[in-house]
Amino acid sequence: MKRSFGRGSNTLSIESYRFVTTAAGTAVYAGDGGYLGLYETEDAAVEMIRLMISDYSDGGSADEI
């Protein structure tokens, strides 16, 4: 399941992130290993990452992701 956003070398995709299911919820890590957060469900985590990617694609800062 690949979802890419952006253009050219600035393309971001949901595959750039690692989702780890734990007893407490779904932890999300960036491609560089940085911790992004813990979400109640995997669906909630995916939706939040999609929103962050969308914001970045619309001209936001990479620091927001």
PDB file of N, CA and C in Angstrom:
ATOM      1  N   MET A   1       0.847  -1.167   0.000  1.00  0.00           N
ATOM      2  CA  MET A   1       0.000   0.000   0.000  1.00  0.00           C
ATOM      3  C   MET A   1       0.897   1.235   0.000  1.00  0.00           C
ATOM      4  N   LYS A   2       1.066   1.852  -1.155  1.00  0.00           N
ATOM      5  CA  LYS A   2       1.901   3.035  -1.244  1.00  0.00           C
ATOM      6  C   LYS A   2       1.052   4.261  -1.484  1.00  0.00           C
ATOM      7  N   ARG A   3       1.270   5.252  -0.674  1.00  0.00           N
ATOM      8  CA  ARG A   3       0.589   6.526  -0.840  1.00  0.00           C
ATOM      9  C   ARG A   3       1.665   7.593  -0.880  1.00  0.00           C
ATOM     10  N   SER A   4       1.888   8.175  -2.042  1.00  0.00           N
ATOM     11  CA  SER A   4       2.927   9.180  -2.195  1.00  0.00           C
ATOM     12  C   SER A   4       2.312  10.563  -2.305  1.00  0.00           C
ATOM     13  N   PHE A   5       3.028  11.533  -1.789  1.00  0.00           N
ATOM     14  CA  PHE A   5       2.584  12.911  -1.822  1.00  0.00           C
ATOM     15  C   PHE A   5       3.760  13.774  -2.249  1.00  0.00           C
ATOM     16  N   GLY A   6       3.492  14.853  -2.915  1.00  0.00           N
ATOM     17  CA  GLY A   6       4.551  15.759  -3.334  1.00  0.00           C
ATOM     18  C   GLY A   6       4.999  15.463  -4.745  1.00  0.00           C
ATOM     19  N   ARG A   7       6.112  16.086  -5.119  1.00  0.00           N
ATOM     20  CA  ARG A   7       6.619  15.921  -6.476  1.00  0.00           C
ATOM     21  C   ARG A   7       8.119  15.695  -6.442  1.00  0.00           C
ATOM     22  N   GLY A   8       8.618  14.943  -7.417  1.00  0.00           N
ATOM     23  CA  GLY A   8      10.054  14.760  -7.585  1.00  0.00           C
ATOM     24  C   GLY A   8      10.733  14.192  -6.360  1.00  0.00           C
ATOM     25  N   SER A   9      11.909  14.742  -6.052  1.00  0.00           N
ATOM     26  CA  SER A   9      12.696  14.218  -4.933  1.00  0.00           C
ATOM     27  C   SER A   9      12.094  14.571  -3.584  1.00  0.00           C
ATOM     28  N   ASN A  10      11.092  15.443  -3.561  1.00  0.00           N
ATOM     29  CA  ASN A  10      10.440  15.825  -2.306  1.00  0.00           C
ATOM     30  C   ASN A  10       9.232  14.954  -2.001  1.00  0.00           C
ATOM     31  N   THR A  11       9.092  13.831  -2.703  1.00  0.00           N
ATOM     32  CA  THR A  11       7.942  12.965  -2.508  1.00  0.00           C
ATOM     33  C   THR A  11       8.008  12.289  -1.144  1.00  0.00           C
ATOM     34  N   LEU A  12       6.913  12.376  -0.407  1.00  0.00           N
ATOM     35  CA  LEU A  12       6.781  11.694   0.876  1.00  0.00           C
ATOM     36  C   LEU A  12       5.729  10.616   0.723  1.00  0.00           C
ATOM     37  N   SER A  13       5.888   9.514   1.404  1.00  0.00           N
ATOM     38  CA  SER A  13       4.874   8.472   1.355  1.00  0.00           C
ATOM     39  C   SER A  13       4.677   7.898   2.745  1.00  0.00           C
ATOM     40  N   ILE A  14       3.551   7.264   2.917  1.00  0.00           N
ATOM     41  CA  ILE A  14       3.222   6.637   4.196  1.00  0.00           C
ATOM     42  C   ILE A  14       4.243   5.547   4.516  1.00  0.00           C
ATOM     43  N   GLU A  15       4.898   5.021   3.480  1.00  0.00           N
ATOM     44  CA  GLU A  15       5.920   3.988   3.678  1.00  0.00           C
ATOM     45  C   GLU A  15       7.193   4.534   4.308  1.00  0.00           C
ATOM     46  N   SER A  16       7.314   5.851   4.394  1.00  0.00           N
ATOM     47  CA  SER A  16       8.486   6.476   5.006  1.00  0.00           C
ATOM     48  C   SER A  16       8.460   6.373   6.526  1.00  0.00           C
ATOM     49  N   TYR A  17       7.391   5.845   7.059  1.00  0.00           N
ATOM     50  CA  TYR A  17       7.209   5.779   8.503  1.00  0.00           C
ATOM     51  C   TYR A  17       7.082   4.335   8.963  1.00  0.00           C
ATOM     52  N   ARG A  18       7.433   4.096  10.222  1.00  0.00           N
ATOM     53  CA  ARG A  18       7.313   2.761  10.797  1.00  0.00           C
ATOM     54  C   ARG A  18       6.242   2.813  11.869  1.00  0.00           C
ATOM     55  N   PHE A  19       5.313   1.867  11.796  1.00  0.00           N
ATOM     56  CA  PHE A  19       4.211   1.773  12.751  1.00  0.00           C
ATOM     57  C   PHE A  19       4.421   0.529  13.601  1.00  0.00           C
ATOM     58  N   VAL A  20       4.458   0.717  14.917  1.00  0.00           N
ATOM     59  CA  VAL A  20       4.696  -0.389  15.843  1.00  0.00           C
ATOM     60  C   VAL A  20       3.491  -0.501  16.773  1.00  0.00           C
ATOM     61  N   THR A  21       2.813  -1.641  16.719  1.00  0.00           N
ATOM     62  CA  THR A  21       1.649  -1.864  17.570  1.00  0.00           C
ATOM     63  C   THR A  21       2.106  -2.342  18.941  1.00  0.00           C
ATOM     64  N   THR A  22       1.647  -1.660  19.988  1.00  0.00           N
ATOM     65  CA  THR A  22       1.972  -2.021  21.365  1.00  0.00           C
ATOM     66  C   THR A  22       0.675  -2.171  22.146  1.00  0.00           C
ATOM     67  N   ALA A  23       0.783  -2.602  23.379  1.00  0.00           N
ATOM     68  CA  ALA A  23      -0.398  -2.726  24.232  1.00  0.00           C
ATOM     69  C   ALA A  23      -1.026  -1.356  24.494  1.00  0.00           C
ATOM     70  N   ALA A  24      -0.214  -0.303  24.437  1.00  0.00           N
ATOM     71  CA  ALA A  24      -0.693   1.051  24.711  1.00  0.00           C
ATOM     72  C   ALA A  24      -1.255   1.750  23.473  1.00  0.00           C
ATOM     73  N   GLY A  25      -1.009   1.205  22.292  1.00  0.00           N
ATOM     74  CA  GLY A  25      -1.470   1.831  21.055  1.00  0.00           C
ATOM     75  C   GLY A  25      -0.458   1.626  19.942  1.00  0.00           C
ATOM     76  N   THR A  26      -0.485   2.499  18.944  1.00  0.00           N
ATOM     77  CA  THR A  26       0.425   2.405  17.809  1.00  0.00           C
ATOM     78  C   THR A  26       1.446   3.526  17.879  1.00  0.00           C
ATOM     79  N   ALA A  27       2.721   3.149  18.011  1.00  0.00           N
ATOM     80  CA  ALA A  27       3.810   4.122  18.018  1.00  0.00           C
ATOM     81  C   ALA A  27       4.249   4.360  16.578  1.00  0.00           C
ATOM     82  N   VAL A  28       4.567   5.615  16.256  1.00  0.00           N
ATOM     83  CA  VAL A  28       4.986   5.969  14.906  1.00  0.00           C
ATOM     84  C   VAL A  28       6.392   6.548  14.961  1.00  0.00           C
ATOM     85  N   TYR A  29       7.244   6.053  14.047  1.00  0.00           N
ATOM     86  CA  TYR A  29       8.622   6.509  13.937  1.00  0.00           C
ATOM     87  C   TYR A  29       8.880   6.988  12.521  1.00  0.00           C
ATOM     88  N   ALA A  30       9.624   8.073  12.378  1.00  0.00           N
ATOM     89  CA  ALA A  30      10.006   8.594  11.068  1.00  0.00           C
ATOM     90  C   ALA A  30      11.065   7.684  10.463  1.00  0.00           C
ATOM     91  N   GLY A  31      11.326   7.878   9.184  1.00  0.00           N
ATOM     92  CA  GLY A  31      12.325   7.082   8.484  1.00  0.00           C
ATOM     93  C   GLY A  31      13.703   7.155   9.113  1.00  0.00           C
ATOM     94  N   ASP A  32      14.027   8.282   9.769  1.00  0.00           N
ATOM     95  CA  ASP A  32      15.327   8.434  10.420  1.00  0.00           C
ATOM     96  C   ASP A  32      15.341   7.856  11.833  1.00  0.00           C
ATOM     97  N   GLY A  33      14.228   7.256  12.254  1.00  0.00           N
ATOM     98  CA  GLY A  33      14.146   6.647  13.576  1.00  0.00           C
ATOM     99  C   GLY A  33      13.567   7.543  14.652  1.00  0.00           C
ATOM    100  N   GLY A  34      13.309   8.797  14.323  1.00  0.00           N
ATOM    101  CA  GLY A  34      12.748   9.736  15.298  1.00  0.00           C
ATOM    102  C   GLY A  34      11.319   9.367  15.681  1.00  0.00           C
ATOM    103  N   TYR A  35      11.029   9.462  16.960  1.00  0.00           N
ATOM    104  CA  TYR A  35       9.694   9.143  17.489  1.00  0.00           C
ATOM    105  C   TYR A  35       8.735  10.268  17.176  1.00  0.00           C
ATOM    106  N   LEU A  36       7.574   9.938  16.586  1.00  0.00           N
ATOM    107  CA  LEU A  36       6.582  10.953  16.246  1.00  0.00           C
ATOM    108  C   LEU A  36       5.386  10.964  17.172  1.00  0.00           C
ATOM    109  N   GLY A  37       5.078   9.839  17.784  1.00  0.00           N
ATOM    110  CA  GLY A  37       3.945   9.842  18.696  1.00  0.00           C
ATOM    111  C   GLY A  37       3.315   8.483  18.885  1.00  0.00           C
ATOM    112  N   LEU A  38       2.397   8.422  19.831  1.00  0.00           N
ATOM    113  CA  LEU A  38       1.654   7.208  20.153  1.00  0.00           C
ATOM    114  C   LEU A  38       0.178   7.511  19.934  1.00  0.00           C
ATOM    115  N   TYR A  39      -0.480   6.661  19.177  1.00  0.00           N
ATOM    116  CA  TYR A  39      -1.883   6.859  18.825  1.00  0.00           C
ATOM    117  C   TYR A  39      -2.693   5.663  19.298  1.00  0.00           C
ATOM    118  N   GLU A  40      -3.935   5.913  19.615  1.00  0.00           N
ATOM    119  CA  GLU A  40      -4.806   4.875  20.166  1.00  0.00           C
ATOM    120  C   GLU A  40      -4.963   3.686  19.230  1.00  0.00           C
ATOM    121  N   THR A  41      -5.081   3.956  17.924  1.00  0.00           N
ATOM    122  CA  THR A  41      -5.250   2.882  16.942  1.00  0.00           C
ATOM    123  C   THR A  41      -4.326   3.127  15.753  1.00  0.00           C
ATOM    124  N   GLU A  42      -4.103   2.084  14.959  1.00  0.00           N
ATOM    125  CA  GLU A  42      -3.298   2.229  13.754  1.00  0.00           C
ATOM    126  C   GLU A  42      -3.989   3.168  12.764  1.00  0.00           C
ATOM    127  N   ASP A  43      -5.310   3.077  12.667  1.00  0.00           N
ATOM    128  CA  ASP A  43      -6.053   3.970  11.776  1.00  0.00           C
ATOM    129  C   ASP A  43      -5.840   5.440  12.151  1.00  0.00           C
ATOM    130  N   ALA A  44      -5.868   5.724  13.441  1.00  0.00           N
ATOM    131  CA  ALA A  44      -5.651   7.096  13.903  1.00  0.00           C
ATOM    132  C   ALA A  44      -4.231   7.559  13.571  1.00  0.00           C
ATOM    133  N   ALA A  45      -3.267   6.665  13.716  1.00  0.00           N
ATOM    134  CA  ALA A  45      -1.869   6.991  13.404  1.00  0.00           C
ATOM    135  C   ALA A  45      -1.703   7.287  11.917  1.00  0.00           C
ATOM    136  N   VAL A  46      -2.270   6.443  11.068  1.00  0.00           N
ATOM    137  CA  VAL A  46      -2.170   6.639   9.616  1.00  0.00           C
ATOM    138  C   VAL A  46      -2.832   7.952   9.218  1.00  0.00           C
ATOM    139  N   GLU A  47      -3.981   8.240   9.768  1.00  0.00           N
ATOM    140  CA  GLU A  47      -4.681   9.482   9.435  1.00  0.00           C
ATOM    141  C   GLU A  47      -3.860  10.702   9.846  1.00  0.00           C
ATOM    142  N   MET A  48      -3.233  10.665  11.012  1.00  0.00           N
ATOM    143  CA  MET A  48      -2.419  11.791  11.460  1.00  0.00           C
ATOM    144  C   MET A  48      -1.202  11.985  10.549  1.00  0.00           C
ATOM    145  N   ILE A  49      -0.566  10.897  10.145  1.00  0.00           N
ATOM    146  CA  ILE A  49       0.579  10.993   9.243  1.00  0.00           C
ATOM    147  C   ILE A  49       0.126  11.549   7.895  1.00  0.00           C
ATOM    148  N   ARG A  50      -1.006  11.094   7.402  1.00  0.00           N
ATOM    149  CA  ARG A  50      -1.542  11.633   6.142  1.00  0.00           C
ATOM    150  C   ARG A  50      -1.757  13.140   6.239  1.00  0.00           C
ATOM    151  N   LEU A  51      -2.303  13.589   7.363  1.00  0.00           N
ATOM    152  CA  LEU A  51      -2.522  15.024   7.553  1.00  0.00           C
ATOM    153  C   LEU A  51      -1.200  15.786   7.591  1.00  0.00           C
ATOM    154  N   MET A  52      -0.206  15.247   8.273  1.00  0.00           N
ATOM    155  CA  MET A  52       1.102  15.897   8.337  1.00  0.00           C
ATOM    156  C   MET A  52       1.739  15.968   6.951  1.00  0.00           C
ATOM    157  N   ILE A  53       1.645  14.869   6.178  1.00  0.00           N
ATOM    158  CA  ILE A  53       2.196  14.857   4.826  1.00  0.00           C
ATOM    159  C   ILE A  53       1.456  15.873   3.957  1.00  0.00           C
ATOM    160  N   SER A  54       0.146  15.921   4.089  1.00  0.00           N
ATOM    161  CA  SER A  54      -0.655  16.858   3.314  1.00  0.00           C
ATOM    162  C   SER A  54      -0.284  18.296   3.648  1.00  0.00           C
ATOM    163  N   ASP A  55      -0.126  18.601   4.928  1.00  0.00           N
ATOM    164  CA  ASP A  55       0.272  19.947   5.346  1.00  0.00           C
ATOM    165  C   ASP A  55       1.632  20.304   4.765  1.00  0.00           C
ATOM    166  N   TYR A  56       2.570  19.365   4.783  1.00  0.00           N
ATOM    167  CA  TYR A  56       3.909  19.591   4.248  1.00  0.00           C
ATOM    168  C   TYR A  56       3.832  19.818   2.733  1.00  0.00           C
ATOM    169  N   SER A  57       3.025  19.021   2.042  1.00  0.00           N
ATOM    170  CA  SER A  57       2.865  19.131   0.589  1.00  0.00           C
ATOM    171  C   SER A  57       2.239  20.462   0.203  1.00  0.00           C
ATOM    172  N   ASP A  58       1.463  21.049   1.111  1.00  0.00           N
ATOM    173  CA  ASP A  58       0.805  22.321   0.849  1.00  0.00           C
ATOM    174  C   ASP A  58       1.691  23.511   1.217  1.00  0.00           C
ATOM    175  N   GLY A  59       2.967  23.262   1.479  1.00  0.00           N
ATOM    176  CA  GLY A  59       3.889  24.362   1.754  1.00  0.00           C
ATOM    177  C   GLY A  59       4.337  24.486   3.194  1.00  0.00           C
ATOM    178  N   GLY A  60       3.985  23.524   4.034  1.00  0.00           N
ATOM    179  CA  GLY A  60       4.412  23.559   5.420  1.00  0.00           C
ATOM    180  C   GLY A  60       5.891  23.218   5.558  1.00  0.00           C
ATOM    181  N   SER A  61       6.400  23.282   6.735  1.00  0.00           N
ATOM    182  CA  SER A  61       7.801  23.007   7.004  1.00  0.00           C
ATOM    183  C   SER A  61       8.042  21.538   7.275  1.00  0.00           C
ATOM    184  N   ALA A  62       9.184  21.025   6.857  1.00  0.00           N
ATOM    185  CA  ALA A  62       9.552  19.635   7.130  1.00  0.00           C
ATOM    186  C   ALA A  62       9.716  19.410   8.626  1.00  0.00           C
ATOM    187  N   ASP A  63       9.982  20.482   9.381  1.00  0.00           N
ATOM    188  CA  ASP A  63      10.127  20.361  10.829  1.00  0.00           C
ATOM    189  C   ASP A  63       8.829  19.957  11.500  1.00  0.00           C
ATOM    190  N   GLU A  64       7.700  20.153  10.807  1.00  0.00           N
ATOM    191  CA  GLU A  64       6.403  19.809  11.375  1.00  0.00           C
ATOM    192  C   GLU A  64       6.138  18.323  11.326  1.00  0.00           C
ATOM    193  N   ILE A  65       6.922  17.612  10.527  1.00  0.00           N
ATOM    194  CA  ILE A  65       6.675  16.170  10.337  1.00  0.00           C
ATOM    195  C   ILE A  65       7.565  15.377  11.244  1.00  0.00           C
TER     196      ILE A  65
END
